Amino acid sequence: MKEVPTVIPVPATLFDAVADARALRVAMKGLGTNEKVIIDVLCQRSNAQRQAISEAFNIEFNRDLVADLKSEVSGKFKSVITSLMLPAVEYCAKELHEAIKKFARKEALLEDISLFGSESETLSLASAYETNVMAEILFTRSYEEVVKIANAYNTKYKIDLKRDIKQDISGRVQKIFLKSLQEIKDPTIDSKGKSDADSVASAQEEAKLLLDKGKEHSSTDENPFVNILSYAIQRRRLTSVIFQEYAKISGESIEETLKSKVSEDILFCLLEIVKIVRNRPAYFAERLELAMRGLSTDHNTLIRIIVSRSEIDLANIKLEYERMYGKTLYGSVENATSGDYRRSLLALIGLPALNYEMTVPPIFFM
C-alpha cells in the first residue's frame, strides 16, 4: 500500500520562501507573538521548504529564524516548532542520541519506575523504556535512511553511532542494534525482483532453523532470532514471509515463541521489531494510543511520531488508528493536549479521516 503523508510540499509555483519569512518576522516582531501565523506557515510546509524559509529569513533580516522562534514561543509548543525546523535526519539523530544517553543513565530510570515491582521487573521495564525510541527510529526506516541518520549522528556528536552504542548499551540488546547498522552483503536478499518461489524457499529454510533451535534445548538458542530480526529493515518482505512459514510448521506465531523461549532482556525489543514488520502504521498507532493512555501523556513520543511521520505515512497511521481503536487520532490528540501545542499537532495531523470502510493490510515499506 502506498505511503500517504499528511503534510505535503506547497506546489513550487505557489511557494514563496521570502514571503513566508516576512510573515514569520511580522508574527514575532513587537510586544506579542502571533502563534497562529507560525502554525499556519511552519506546519503546512515540508521540511525542505522550512529550511528554505530559514535561509530566506537569515538573508532578509540577518537573523536566525530558529533562535527567534525559541525566544518567542515556549513549552511543548516550542518543542513541536523546534523539532519541525530541524532537517529530518538531524532530528532523528538527536532523538536517537537522547535515547542512548538515557540507557547510559539506567540508575536514574530505575529510581523513577521502582514502584512497579521486583528488581527483575524493574530492570525489564527500564530496558523497555530505554530501547523504545531506538527501535522506533532504526527499524521503521529503510537501511538507506538509517545510514543517513548515522552520518548525521556522527557529524553532530563527533562520534560514530556504532561506537556510541557499544559504549553506552550493554547485553544482547546491544547486538540487535549493532546488527541493524550492518549492511547485508547479498543485495538480492530482499530484492523486488526475487521470485515468490525463491522468497518462500528462503523463508522456509530460516523458519525451520528457528523451529529446530527451539527443539534442541529447553530454552531456545536466541542467536537465530536475533540474526533474523536484527536485519529486518534490509529484508522486510522476506522476514514477513518467515513469520508466515514459521506459523505453518510450528503451529504458533513468532510472537508466542518469543514470549515462551526468549529471555526478558531482549524480548521487548524483538517483539517491537515483529510489530513493525507485520504492520508499520499499526505499530505507530499503538505507540500513539499508549502515549495518550493513562493519567499523564507521554508528550515526547506524541511529538516525535507526529512530527517525524507527517511527511511519510501519518495518513496511513490515522486510518489504522481509527480501525484499531474506533476513534480518530485527531480527536484523541485534541483531548490530550491544549493551546498552541494542540493546534500545531492537529495542523500536522489534518482533519479526521473517518473512513472505516478502508482496510489497511500489513504494509512492508522499504
Protein backbone atom coordinates (compact mmCIF):
# COMPACT_ATOMS: atom_id res chain seq x y z
CA MET A 1 0.00 0.00 0.00
CA LYS A 2 1.18 3.47 -0.83
CA GLU A 3 2.57 5.70 1.91
CA VAL A 4 0.37 8.77 2.40
CA PRO A 5 1.68 11.84 4.30
CA THR A 6 -0.48 14.47 5.96
CA VAL A 7 1.96 17.31 5.22
CA ILE A 8 2.87 17.80 1.57
CA PRO A 9 5.03 20.48 -0.03
CA VAL A 10 3.34 23.63 -1.23
CA PRO A 11 3.50 23.50 -5.06
CA ALA A 12 6.64 25.19 -6.36
CA THR A 13 4.56 27.71 -8.31
CA LEU A 14 2.91 28.87 -5.07
CA PHE A 15 5.75 28.53 -2.58
CA ASP A 16 7.50 31.80 -1.70
CA ALA A 17 10.17 31.39 0.98
CA VAL A 18 10.75 35.14 1.25
CA ALA A 19 7.05 35.87 1.75
CA ASP A 20 6.87 33.18 4.44
CA ALA A 21 9.99 34.56 6.11
CA ARG A 22 8.46 38.04 6.17
CA ALA A 23 5.21 36.71 7.59
CA LEU A 24 7.10 35.00 10.39
CA ARG A 25 9.12 38.12 11.13
CA VAL A 26 5.92 40.18 11.46
CA ALA A 27 4.38 37.46 13.66
CA MET A 28 7.31 37.65 16.09
CA LYS A 29 8.02 41.38 15.96
CA GLY A 30 6.77 43.69 18.68
CA LEU A 31 5.24 43.01 22.06
CA GLY A 32 3.13 39.97 21.22
CA THR A 33 3.60 36.85 19.13
CA ASN A 34 1.10 35.68 16.54
CA GLU A 35 1.27 31.93 17.12
CA LYS A 36 -1.41 31.27 14.52
CA VAL A 37 0.82 32.58 11.74
CA ILE A 38 3.72 30.45 12.98
CA ILE A 39 1.48 27.36 12.90
CA ASP A 40 -0.07 28.21 9.53
CA VAL A 41 3.35 28.65 7.93
CA LEU A 42 5.56 26.02 9.54
CA CYS A 43 3.01 23.22 9.99
CA GLN A 44 1.87 23.47 6.37
CA ARG A 45 5.28 23.38 4.68
CA SER A 46 7.58 20.45 4.00
CA ASN A 47 10.85 20.10 5.88
CA ALA A 48 12.80 21.17 2.81
CA GLN A 49 10.61 24.25 2.47
CA ARG A 50 11.14 25.12 6.13
CA GLN A 51 14.89 25.03 5.53
CA ALA A 52 14.42 27.38 2.57
CA ILE A 53 12.33 29.73 4.73
CA SER A 54 15.03 29.69 7.40
CA GLU A 55 17.67 30.60 4.83
CA ALA A 56 15.49 33.37 3.40
CA PHE A 57 14.89 34.71 6.92
CA ASN A 58 18.62 34.92 7.53
CA ILE A 59 19.27 36.69 4.22
CA GLU A 60 16.32 39.06 4.54
CA PHE A 61 16.75 40.07 8.18
CA ASN A 62 20.24 38.89 9.12
CA ARG A 63 18.65 36.89 11.93
CA ASP A 64 18.48 33.22 12.87
CA LEU A 65 14.90 32.01 12.47
CA VAL A 66 15.24 29.11 14.92
CA ALA A 67 16.78 31.36 17.57
CA ASP A 68 13.93 33.87 17.13
CA LEU A 69 11.33 31.12 17.37
CA LYS A 70 12.91 29.76 20.54
CA SER A 71 12.74 33.19 22.15
CA GLU A 72 9.12 33.79 21.16
CA VAL A 73 7.38 30.50 21.96
CA SER A 74 7.54 28.19 24.96
CA GLY A 75 6.60 24.88 26.47
CA LYS A 76 5.52 21.90 24.39
CA PHE A 77 4.58 24.20 21.50
CA LYS A 78 8.23 25.23 21.39
CA SER A 79 9.24 21.56 21.26
CA VAL A 80 6.99 20.99 18.23
CA ILE A 81 8.26 24.04 16.35
CA THR A 82 11.95 23.45 17.03
CA SER A 83 11.53 19.79 16.03
CA LEU A 84 9.92 20.85 12.75
CA MET A 85 12.81 23.19 12.00
CA LEU A 86 15.49 20.51 12.20
CA PRO A 87 16.34 18.64 8.99
CA ALA A 88 14.66 15.22 9.26
CA VAL A 89 17.86 13.15 9.63
CA GLU A 90 19.25 15.55 12.23
CA TYR A 91 16.02 15.33 14.20
CA CYS A 92 16.18 11.52 14.20
CA ALA A 93 19.85 11.64 15.19
CA LYS A 94 19.01 13.92 18.11
CA GLU A 95 16.23 11.62 19.32
CA LEU A 96 18.49 8.60 18.95
CA HIS A 97 21.27 10.28 20.90
CA GLU A 98 18.92 11.14 23.75
CA ALA A 99 17.66 7.54 23.86
CA ILE A 100 21.20 6.14 24.02
CA LYS A 101 22.13 8.51 26.84
CA LYS A 102 19.00 7.51 28.76
CA PHE A 103 20.17 3.92 28.55
CA ALA A 104 23.52 5.01 29.98
CA ARG A 105 21.67 6.66 32.86
CA LYS A 106 19.88 3.48 33.83
CA GLU A 107 20.21 4.09 37.56
CA ALA A 108 18.14 7.26 37.34
CA LEU A 109 15.48 5.47 35.33
CA LEU A 110 15.36 2.61 37.83
CA GLU A 111 14.63 5.09 40.61
CA ASP A 112 11.79 6.61 38.60
CA ILE A 113 10.00 3.30 37.99
CA SER A 114 10.98 1.25 41.06
CA LEU A 115 7.43 1.31 42.38
CA PHE A 116 6.28 -1.10 39.67
CA GLY A 117 7.57 -4.28 41.28
CA SER A 118 10.54 -6.51 41.99
CA GLU A 119 14.07 -5.76 40.88
CA SER A 120 13.81 -8.07 37.85
CA GLU A 121 10.50 -6.49 36.83
CA THR A 122 12.01 -3.04 37.26
CA LEU A 123 15.01 -3.92 35.11
CA SER A 124 12.69 -5.26 32.43
CA LEU A 125 10.63 -2.06 32.45
CA ALA A 126 13.78 0.05 32.31
CA SER A 127 15.07 -1.91 29.33
CA ALA A 128 11.76 -1.43 27.53
CA TYR A 129 11.77 2.30 28.22
CA GLU A 130 15.34 2.75 27.04
CA THR A 131 15.12 0.76 23.82
CA ASN A 132 11.70 2.08 22.74
CA VAL A 133 12.89 5.09 20.79
CA MET A 134 15.89 3.29 19.33
CA ALA A 135 13.76 0.50 17.87
CA GLU A 136 11.28 3.06 16.57
CA ILE A 137 13.93 5.04 14.72
CA LEU A 138 16.18 2.25 13.48
CA PHE A 139 13.58 -0.31 12.39
CA THR A 140 10.82 1.80 10.82
CA ARG A 141 13.00 3.29 8.10
CA SER A 142 14.87 1.86 5.14
CA TYR A 143 18.52 0.96 5.57
CA GLU A 144 19.47 3.87 3.30
CA GLU A 145 17.64 6.27 5.61
CA VAL A 146 19.29 4.74 8.67
CA VAL A 147 22.71 5.29 7.08
CA LYS A 148 21.88 8.98 6.59
CA ILE A 149 20.79 9.25 10.23
CA ALA A 150 24.02 7.56 11.35
CA ASN A 151 26.05 10.03 9.28
CA ALA A 152 24.12 12.95 10.79
CA TYR A 153 24.77 11.47 14.23
CA ASN A 154 28.50 11.33 13.54
CA THR A 155 28.54 14.92 12.30
CA LYS A 156 26.52 16.35 15.17
CA TYR A 157 28.01 14.44 18.10
CA LYS A 158 31.53 13.77 16.77
CA ILE A 159 31.27 10.07 17.47
CA ASP A 160 30.34 7.07 15.35
CA LEU A 161 26.86 5.76 16.15
CA LYS A 162 28.10 2.17 16.42
CA ARG A 163 30.80 3.22 18.83
CA ASP A 164 28.32 5.13 20.97
CA ILE A 165 26.04 2.10 21.11
CA LYS A 166 28.98 -0.09 22.16
CA GLN A 167 29.94 2.38 24.89
CA ASP A 168 26.51 3.03 26.37
CA ILE A 169 24.40 -0.06 25.69
CA SER A 170 25.18 -3.47 27.11
CA GLY A 171 23.98 -7.03 26.77
CA ARG A 172 22.27 -8.74 23.88
CA VAL A 173 20.16 -5.73 23.04
CA GLN A 174 23.41 -4.04 22.01
CA LYS A 175 23.93 -6.81 19.45
CA ILE A 176 20.48 -6.20 17.97
CA PHE A 177 21.12 -2.52 17.34
CA LEU A 178 24.66 -3.04 16.06
CA LYS A 179 23.47 -5.68 13.60
CA SER A 180 20.74 -3.34 12.38
CA LEU A 181 23.51 -0.95 11.27
CA GLN A 182 25.45 -3.62 9.36
CA GLU A 183 24.76 -3.87 5.66
CA ILE A 184 23.79 -7.30 4.34
CA LYS A 185 26.33 -8.35 1.74
CA ASP A 186 23.84 -10.05 -0.59
CA PRO A 187 21.94 -7.23 -2.34
CA THR A 188 19.32 -9.67 -3.71
CA ILE A 189 18.28 -11.00 -0.30
CA ASP A 190 15.10 -8.90 -0.31
CA SER A 191 15.07 -7.74 -3.89
CA LYS A 192 11.75 -6.87 -5.50
CA GLY A 193 12.94 -8.86 -8.49
CA LYS A 194 13.30 -12.03 -6.45
CA SER A 195 10.62 -14.58 -7.36
CA ASP A 196 7.92 -15.52 -4.87
CA ALA A 197 9.06 -19.13 -5.03
CA ASP A 198 12.63 -18.17 -4.12
CA SER A 199 11.41 -15.97 -1.26
CA VAL A 200 9.22 -18.75 0.13
CA ALA A 201 12.05 -21.28 -0.18
CA SER A 202 14.43 -18.97 1.71
CA ALA A 203 11.77 -18.24 4.33
CA GLN A 204 11.02 -21.93 4.83
CA GLU A 205 14.69 -22.68 5.39
CA GLU A 206 15.05 -19.95 8.03
CA ALA A 207 11.72 -20.82 9.67
CA LYS A 208 12.88 -24.43 10.02
CA LEU A 209 16.13 -23.23 11.57
CA LEU A 210 14.17 -21.31 14.20
CA LEU A 211 11.98 -24.31 14.94
CA ASP A 212 14.94 -26.72 15.16
CA LYS A 213 16.77 -24.46 17.57
CA GLY A 214 13.68 -24.35 19.72
CA LYS A 215 13.58 -28.15 19.95
CA GLU A 216 17.28 -28.60 20.71
CA HIS A 217 17.13 -27.00 24.16
CA SER A 218 14.61 -26.28 26.85
CA SER A 219 15.37 -22.64 26.19
CA THR A 220 15.88 -21.54 22.61
CA ASP A 221 19.30 -20.51 21.38
CA GLU A 222 18.48 -16.85 20.80
CA ASN A 223 21.04 -16.17 18.09
CA PRO A 224 18.76 -17.17 15.18
CA PHE A 225 16.01 -14.86 16.43
CA VAL A 226 18.45 -12.00 16.89
CA ASN A 227 20.01 -12.59 13.48
CA ILE A 228 16.71 -12.71 11.62
CA LEU A 229 15.03 -9.78 13.36
CA SER A 230 18.10 -7.54 13.57
CA TYR A 231 18.32 -7.44 9.78
CA ALA A 232 14.58 -6.88 9.30
CA ILE A 233 14.96 -3.37 7.87
CA GLN A 234 17.02 -4.71 4.97
CA ARG A 235 14.81 -7.71 4.25
CA ARG A 236 11.39 -6.76 5.48
CA ARG A 237 9.49 -8.74 2.87
CA LEU A 238 11.48 -11.91 3.49
CA THR A 239 11.12 -11.53 7.26
CA SER A 240 7.35 -11.27 6.88
CA VAL A 241 7.27 -14.49 4.87
CA ILE A 242 9.45 -16.18 7.51
CA PHE A 243 6.76 -15.33 10.08
CA GLN A 244 4.11 -16.96 7.88
CA GLU A 245 6.16 -20.09 7.22
CA TYR A 246 7.13 -20.42 10.86
CA ALA A 247 3.48 -20.35 11.92
CA LYS A 248 2.70 -23.09 9.37
CA ILE A 249 5.36 -25.54 10.56
CA SER A 250 5.28 -24.76 14.29
CA GLY A 251 1.60 -24.22 14.87
CA GLU A 252 2.20 -20.99 16.73
CA SER A 253 3.03 -17.38 15.88
CA ILE A 254 6.53 -15.97 16.13
CA GLU A 255 5.28 -13.77 18.99
CA GLU A 256 4.15 -16.80 21.00
CA THR A 257 7.51 -18.47 20.54
CA LEU A 258 9.44 -15.36 21.54
CA LYS A 259 7.36 -14.95 24.70
CA SER A 260 7.93 -18.55 25.76
CA LYS A 261 11.54 -19.01 24.67
CA VAL A 262 13.36 -15.68 24.77
CA SER A 263 14.66 -14.03 27.93
CA GLU A 264 13.21 -10.72 29.09
CA ASP A 265 16.35 -8.65 28.45
CA ILE A 266 15.71 -8.72 24.69
CA LEU A 267 12.08 -9.85 24.49
CA PHE A 268 10.55 -6.37 24.35
CA CYS A 269 12.89 -5.21 21.60
CA LEU A 270 12.30 -8.29 19.45
CA LEU A 271 8.51 -8.04 19.84
CA GLU A 272 8.64 -4.40 18.77
CA ILE A 273 10.51 -5.37 15.60
CA VAL A 274 7.91 -8.03 14.84
CA LYS A 275 5.13 -5.44 15.16
CA ILE A 276 6.95 -3.11 12.78
CA VAL A 277 7.45 -5.83 10.17
CA ARG A 278 3.85 -7.02 10.35
CA ASN A 279 2.19 -3.62 10.02
CA ARG A 280 4.14 -0.41 10.49
CA PRO A 281 1.18 2.01 10.64
CA ALA A 282 -0.45 -0.23 13.27
CA TYR A 283 2.78 -0.16 15.27
CA PHE A 284 2.76 3.64 15.30
CA ALA A 285 -0.97 3.76 16.01
CA GLU A 286 -0.42 1.63 19.10
CA ARG A 287 2.52 3.76 20.21
CA LEU A 288 0.38 6.90 19.93
CA GLU A 289 -2.51 5.34 21.84
CA LEU A 290 -0.18 4.21 24.64
CA ALA A 291 1.37 7.69 24.77
CA MET A 292 -2.06 9.21 25.47
CA ARG A 293 -3.44 6.48 27.71
CA GLY A 294 -3.49 6.84 31.48
CA LEU A 295 -3.26 9.79 33.81
CA SER A 296 -0.39 11.53 32.03
CA THR A 297 0.53 11.92 28.37
CA ASP A 298 3.93 10.95 27.00
CA HIS A 299 4.39 14.19 25.09
CA ASN A 300 7.86 13.33 23.81
CA THR A 301 6.55 10.27 22.00
CA LEU A 302 3.50 12.14 20.76
CA ILE A 303 5.60 14.95 19.27
CA ARG A 304 8.28 12.66 17.84
CA ILE A 305 5.89 10.38 15.97
CA ILE A 306 3.60 13.09 14.63
CA VAL A 307 6.48 15.33 13.53
CA SER A 308 8.65 12.56 12.04
CA ARG A 309 5.86 10.69 10.24
CA SER A 310 3.85 13.69 8.96
CA GLU A 311 5.73 13.72 5.65
CA ILE A 312 5.89 9.93 5.35
CA ASP A 313 2.81 7.94 6.33
CA LEU A 314 0.83 9.75 9.02
CA ALA A 315 -2.36 9.42 6.94
CA ASN A 316 -1.89 5.62 6.96
CA ILE A 317 -1.33 5.75 10.71
CA LYS A 318 -4.52 7.80 11.17
CA LEU A 319 -6.59 5.22 9.31
CA GLU A 320 -5.03 2.35 11.22
CA TYR A 321 -5.64 4.18 14.50
CA GLU A 322 -9.33 4.57 13.64
CA ARG A 323 -9.61 0.89 12.68
CA MET A 324 -7.89 -0.32 15.84
CA TYR A 325 -9.49 1.96 18.42
CA GLY A 326 -12.78 3.12 16.89
CA LYS A 327 -11.91 6.78 17.33
CA THR A 328 -9.93 9.36 15.43
CA LEU A 329 -6.33 10.25 16.12
CA TYR A 330 -7.33 13.89 15.68
CA GLY A 331 -9.88 13.61 18.49
CA SER A 332 -7.55 11.74 20.82
CA VAL A 333 -4.76 14.29 20.40
CA GLU A 334 -7.27 17.11 20.80
CA ASN A 335 -8.35 15.66 24.16
CA ALA A 336 -4.78 15.01 25.35
CA THR A 337 -3.31 18.45 24.56
CA SER A 338 -4.15 22.13 24.80
CA GLY A 339 -3.40 25.61 23.48
CA ASP A 340 -1.00 26.30 20.64
CA TYR A 341 0.65 22.96 21.31
CA ARG A 342 -2.65 21.29 20.45
CA ARG A 343 -3.22 23.47 17.41
CA SER A 344 0.23 22.72 16.00
CA LEU A 345 -0.16 18.95 16.33
CA LEU A 346 -3.66 18.99 14.87
CA ALA A 347 -2.39 21.03 11.92
CA LEU A 348 0.18 18.30 11.24
CA ILE A 349 -2.37 15.51 11.65
CA GLY A 350 -5.00 17.08 9.43
CA LEU A 351 -8.75 16.60 9.64
CA PRO A 352 -10.12 13.22 10.78
CA ALA A 353 -10.28 10.63 8.02
CA LEU A 354 -13.46 8.96 9.32
CA ASN A 355 -13.13 6.20 6.75
CA TYR A 356 -13.86 2.93 8.50
CA GLU A 357 -14.58 1.15 5.22
CA MET A 358 -10.96 1.42 4.12
CA THR A 359 -8.95 -1.54 5.35
CA VAL A 360 -5.21 -1.28 5.84
CA PRO A 361 -3.37 -4.58 5.27
CA PRO A 362 0.14 -5.23 6.61
CA ILE A 363 2.47 -2.75 4.93
CA PHE A 364 6.02 -3.64 4.00
CA PHE A 365 7.87 -0.46 3.08
CA MET A 366 11.48 -0.43 2.00
